[in-house]
N, C-alpha and C. Protein backbone atom coordinates (compact mmCIF):
# COMPACT_ATOMS: atom_id res chain seq x y z
N UNK A 1 19.96 -27.98 -19.92
CA UNK A 1 18.58 -28.22 -19.56
C UNK A 1 18.22 -27.34 -18.36
N UNK A 2 17.11 -26.64 -18.47
CA UNK A 2 16.63 -25.77 -17.41
C UNK A 2 16.23 -26.61 -16.21
N UNK A 3 16.69 -26.20 -15.03
CA UNK A 3 16.28 -26.90 -13.81
C UNK A 3 15.96 -25.87 -12.73
N UNK A 4 15.11 -26.27 -11.83
CA UNK A 4 14.68 -25.45 -10.71
C UNK A 4 14.98 -26.24 -9.44
N UNK A 5 15.44 -25.56 -8.42
CA UNK A 5 15.59 -26.22 -7.12
C UNK A 5 14.34 -25.95 -6.30
N UNK A 6 13.69 -27.01 -5.91
CA UNK A 6 12.45 -26.92 -5.14
C UNK A 6 12.63 -27.71 -3.85
N UNK A 7 12.67 -27.01 -2.72
CA UNK A 7 12.84 -27.66 -1.41
C UNK A 7 14.04 -28.60 -1.41
N UNK A 8 15.11 -28.16 -2.06
CA UNK A 8 16.35 -28.95 -2.09
C UNK A 8 16.40 -30.02 -3.16
N UNK A 9 15.35 -30.14 -3.96
CA UNK A 9 15.27 -31.15 -5.02
C UNK A 9 15.43 -30.48 -6.38
N UNK A 10 16.23 -31.08 -7.25
CA UNK A 10 16.40 -30.56 -8.61
C UNK A 10 15.22 -31.04 -9.45
N UNK A 11 14.48 -30.10 -10.02
CA UNK A 11 13.31 -30.41 -10.83
C UNK A 11 13.54 -29.87 -12.24
N UNK A 12 13.32 -30.71 -13.24
CA UNK A 12 13.43 -30.31 -14.64
C UNK A 12 12.08 -30.55 -15.32
N UNK A 13 11.97 -30.06 -16.54
CA UNK A 13 10.77 -30.32 -17.32
C UNK A 13 10.56 -31.83 -17.48
N UNK A 14 11.64 -32.55 -17.71
CA UNK A 14 11.56 -34.01 -17.86
C UNK A 14 11.08 -34.68 -16.57
N UNK A 15 11.51 -34.18 -15.42
CA UNK A 15 11.06 -34.71 -14.14
C UNK A 15 9.54 -34.59 -14.03
N UNK A 16 9.01 -33.43 -14.43
CA UNK A 16 7.57 -33.19 -14.38
C UNK A 16 6.84 -34.11 -15.36
N UNK A 17 7.37 -34.25 -16.56
CA UNK A 17 6.74 -35.13 -17.56
C UNK A 17 6.69 -36.57 -17.05
N UNK A 18 7.76 -37.03 -16.44
CA UNK A 18 7.78 -38.40 -15.91
C UNK A 18 6.80 -38.56 -14.76
N UNK A 19 6.73 -37.56 -13.88
CA UNK A 19 5.81 -37.62 -12.75
C UNK A 19 4.36 -37.71 -13.21
N UNK A 20 4.03 -37.01 -14.30
CA UNK A 20 2.64 -37.00 -14.78
C UNK A 20 2.17 -38.38 -15.22
N UNK A 21 3.09 -39.27 -15.54
CA UNK A 21 2.71 -40.62 -15.96
C UNK A 21 2.11 -41.44 -14.81
N UNK A 22 2.34 -40.98 -13.58
CA UNK A 22 1.88 -41.72 -12.41
C UNK A 22 0.70 -41.05 -11.70
N UNK A 23 0.21 -39.96 -12.27
CA UNK A 23 -0.87 -39.19 -11.65
C UNK A 23 -2.08 -39.19 -12.59
N UNK A 24 -3.26 -39.34 -12.04
CA UNK A 24 -4.49 -39.30 -12.82
C UNK A 24 -4.85 -37.85 -13.12
N UNK A 25 -5.18 -37.53 -14.38
CA UNK A 25 -5.61 -36.16 -14.71
C UNK A 25 -6.81 -35.75 -13.87
N UNK A 26 -6.99 -34.44 -13.73
CA UNK A 26 -8.10 -33.90 -12.93
C UNK A 26 -9.44 -34.22 -13.55
N UNK A 27 -10.41 -34.46 -12.69
CA UNK A 27 -11.80 -34.58 -13.10
C UNK A 27 -12.28 -33.16 -13.35
N UNK A 28 -12.83 -32.90 -14.50
CA UNK A 28 -13.24 -31.53 -14.83
C UNK A 28 -14.37 -31.01 -13.95
N UNK A 29 -15.05 -31.90 -13.21
CA UNK A 29 -16.13 -31.47 -12.32
C UNK A 29 -15.62 -31.07 -10.93
N UNK A 30 -14.35 -31.31 -10.66
CA UNK A 30 -13.81 -31.01 -9.33
C UNK A 30 -13.83 -29.51 -9.07
N UNK A 31 -14.45 -29.12 -7.96
CA UNK A 31 -14.53 -27.70 -7.61
C UNK A 31 -13.45 -27.32 -6.59
N UNK A 32 -12.82 -28.30 -5.98
CA UNK A 32 -11.82 -28.02 -4.94
C UNK A 32 -10.52 -27.46 -5.53
N UNK A 33 -10.24 -27.78 -6.75
CA UNK A 33 -8.99 -27.39 -7.38
C UNK A 33 -9.14 -26.01 -8.02
N UNK A 34 -8.25 -25.06 -7.67
CA UNK A 34 -8.32 -23.72 -8.24
C UNK A 34 -7.50 -23.59 -9.52
N UNK A 35 -6.37 -24.31 -9.59
CA UNK A 35 -5.48 -24.23 -10.74
C UNK A 35 -5.15 -25.62 -11.24
N UNK A 36 -4.75 -25.69 -12.48
CA UNK A 36 -4.30 -26.95 -13.07
C UNK A 36 -3.08 -26.67 -13.92
N UNK A 37 -2.15 -27.60 -13.92
CA UNK A 37 -1.00 -27.52 -14.80
C UNK A 37 -1.32 -28.41 -16.01
N UNK A 38 -1.08 -27.90 -17.19
CA UNK A 38 -1.41 -28.63 -18.42
C UNK A 38 -0.16 -29.35 -18.91
N UNK A 39 -0.28 -30.68 -19.01
CA UNK A 39 0.83 -31.51 -19.45
C UNK A 39 0.30 -32.43 -20.54
N UNK A 40 0.86 -32.32 -21.72
CA UNK A 40 0.43 -33.12 -22.87
C UNK A 40 -1.09 -33.06 -23.08
N UNK A 41 -1.65 -31.86 -22.93
CA UNK A 41 -3.07 -31.65 -23.19
C UNK A 41 -4.00 -32.05 -22.05
N UNK A 42 -3.47 -32.61 -20.97
CA UNK A 42 -4.28 -33.02 -19.82
C UNK A 42 -4.04 -32.06 -18.66
N UNK A 43 -5.04 -31.86 -17.83
CA UNK A 43 -4.92 -30.99 -16.66
C UNK A 43 -4.66 -31.83 -15.41
N UNK A 44 -3.69 -31.37 -14.61
CA UNK A 44 -3.30 -32.07 -13.39
C UNK A 44 -3.25 -31.11 -12.21
N UNK A 45 -3.42 -31.66 -11.02
CA UNK A 45 -3.28 -30.87 -9.80
C UNK A 45 -1.79 -30.55 -9.60
N UNK A 46 -1.44 -29.27 -9.56
CA UNK A 46 -0.03 -28.91 -9.44
C UNK A 46 0.68 -29.53 -8.23
N UNK A 47 0.02 -29.55 -7.07
CA UNK A 47 0.68 -30.10 -5.88
C UNK A 47 0.93 -31.61 -6.02
N UNK A 48 0.01 -32.33 -6.63
CA UNK A 48 0.21 -33.77 -6.81
C UNK A 48 1.38 -34.04 -7.75
N UNK A 49 1.46 -33.26 -8.82
CA UNK A 49 2.57 -33.44 -9.76
C UNK A 49 3.90 -33.11 -9.08
N UNK A 50 3.96 -31.99 -8.37
CA UNK A 50 5.21 -31.61 -7.72
C UNK A 50 5.58 -32.59 -6.62
N UNK A 51 4.60 -33.12 -5.92
CA UNK A 51 4.87 -34.12 -4.90
C UNK A 51 5.54 -35.35 -5.51
N UNK A 52 4.99 -35.83 -6.60
CA UNK A 52 5.56 -37.00 -7.28
C UNK A 52 6.94 -36.69 -7.83
N UNK A 53 7.11 -35.51 -8.40
CA UNK A 53 8.40 -35.13 -9.01
C UNK A 53 9.49 -34.93 -7.97
N UNK A 54 9.12 -34.41 -6.80
CA UNK A 54 10.12 -34.07 -5.79
C UNK A 54 10.29 -35.14 -4.71
N UNK A 55 9.30 -36.02 -4.59
CA UNK A 55 9.35 -37.01 -3.53
C UNK A 55 8.88 -36.48 -2.19
N UNK A 56 8.37 -35.26 -2.16
CA UNK A 56 7.88 -34.64 -0.94
C UNK A 56 6.37 -34.86 -0.81
N UNK A 57 5.86 -34.99 0.41
CA UNK A 57 4.40 -35.12 0.56
C UNK A 57 3.72 -33.79 0.22
N UNK A 58 2.48 -33.86 -0.25
CA UNK A 58 1.76 -32.63 -0.59
C UNK A 58 1.59 -31.72 0.62
N UNK A 59 1.62 -32.28 1.80
CA UNK A 59 1.51 -31.47 3.02
C UNK A 59 2.81 -30.74 3.35
N UNK A 60 3.88 -31.07 2.62
CA UNK A 60 5.19 -30.49 2.91
C UNK A 60 5.48 -29.18 2.21
N UNK A 61 4.52 -28.66 1.43
CA UNK A 61 4.73 -27.40 0.72
C UNK A 61 3.40 -26.77 0.34
N UNK A 62 3.45 -25.50 0.04
CA UNK A 62 2.24 -24.75 -0.33
C UNK A 62 2.04 -24.75 -1.84
N UNK A 63 0.81 -24.59 -2.24
CA UNK A 63 0.50 -24.46 -3.66
C UNK A 63 0.34 -22.99 -4.01
N UNK A 64 -0.49 -22.72 -4.97
CA UNK A 64 -0.77 -21.34 -5.34
C UNK A 64 0.26 -20.73 -6.26
N UNK A 65 0.36 -19.41 -6.17
CA UNK A 65 1.16 -18.62 -7.11
C UNK A 65 2.63 -19.06 -7.17
N UNK A 66 3.25 -19.30 -6.01
CA UNK A 66 4.67 -19.68 -6.00
C UNK A 66 4.91 -21.02 -6.70
N UNK A 67 4.06 -21.99 -6.42
CA UNK A 67 4.21 -23.29 -7.07
C UNK A 67 3.90 -23.17 -8.56
N UNK A 68 2.84 -22.44 -8.89
CA UNK A 68 2.48 -22.29 -10.29
C UNK A 68 3.61 -21.63 -11.09
N UNK A 69 4.33 -20.70 -10.48
CA UNK A 69 5.41 -20.03 -11.20
C UNK A 69 6.55 -21.00 -11.55
N UNK A 70 6.73 -22.02 -10.75
CA UNK A 70 7.75 -23.03 -11.07
C UNK A 70 7.36 -23.75 -12.36
N UNK A 71 6.10 -24.12 -12.46
CA UNK A 71 5.64 -24.79 -13.69
C UNK A 71 5.78 -23.90 -14.91
N UNK A 72 5.45 -22.62 -14.77
CA UNK A 72 5.57 -21.73 -15.93
C UNK A 72 7.04 -21.51 -16.29
N UNK A 73 7.93 -21.47 -15.30
CA UNK A 73 9.35 -21.33 -15.60
C UNK A 73 9.89 -22.57 -16.33
N UNK A 74 9.26 -23.71 -16.10
CA UNK A 74 9.63 -24.94 -16.81
C UNK A 74 8.83 -25.11 -18.10
N UNK A 75 8.15 -24.03 -18.51
CA UNK A 75 7.43 -23.94 -19.78
C UNK A 75 6.18 -24.81 -19.87
N UNK A 76 5.48 -24.93 -18.74
CA UNK A 76 4.16 -25.56 -18.72
C UNK A 76 3.12 -24.46 -18.53
N UNK A 77 1.94 -24.67 -19.08
CA UNK A 77 0.84 -23.74 -18.87
C UNK A 77 0.15 -24.09 -17.56
N UNK A 78 -0.22 -23.07 -16.82
CA UNK A 78 -1.04 -23.21 -15.62
C UNK A 78 -2.30 -22.41 -15.88
N UNK A 79 -3.45 -23.07 -15.69
CA UNK A 79 -4.72 -22.42 -15.99
C UNK A 79 -5.61 -22.43 -14.76
N UNK A 80 -6.51 -21.44 -14.70
CA UNK A 80 -7.52 -21.44 -13.65
C UNK A 80 -8.48 -22.58 -13.95
N UNK A 81 -8.86 -23.27 -12.93
CA UNK A 81 -9.73 -24.43 -13.12
C UNK A 81 -11.16 -24.01 -13.01
């Protein structure tokens, strides 16, 4: 199983899928969000998903290209919002 180490935490595709069960999908009217990770057809805020998956607060890491690349390496689509 493919895994990524993120801030000392082992993250897998399954970890992300489980985390998404506890996060509300993005409101499509939200203008603050630049990117969304697509999980089971729903769009989510990448930092919120990674925070839940890793146990780290969203203030503990940066979003953007580096975070988005982790999701793509775990075979999730990241789209411009």
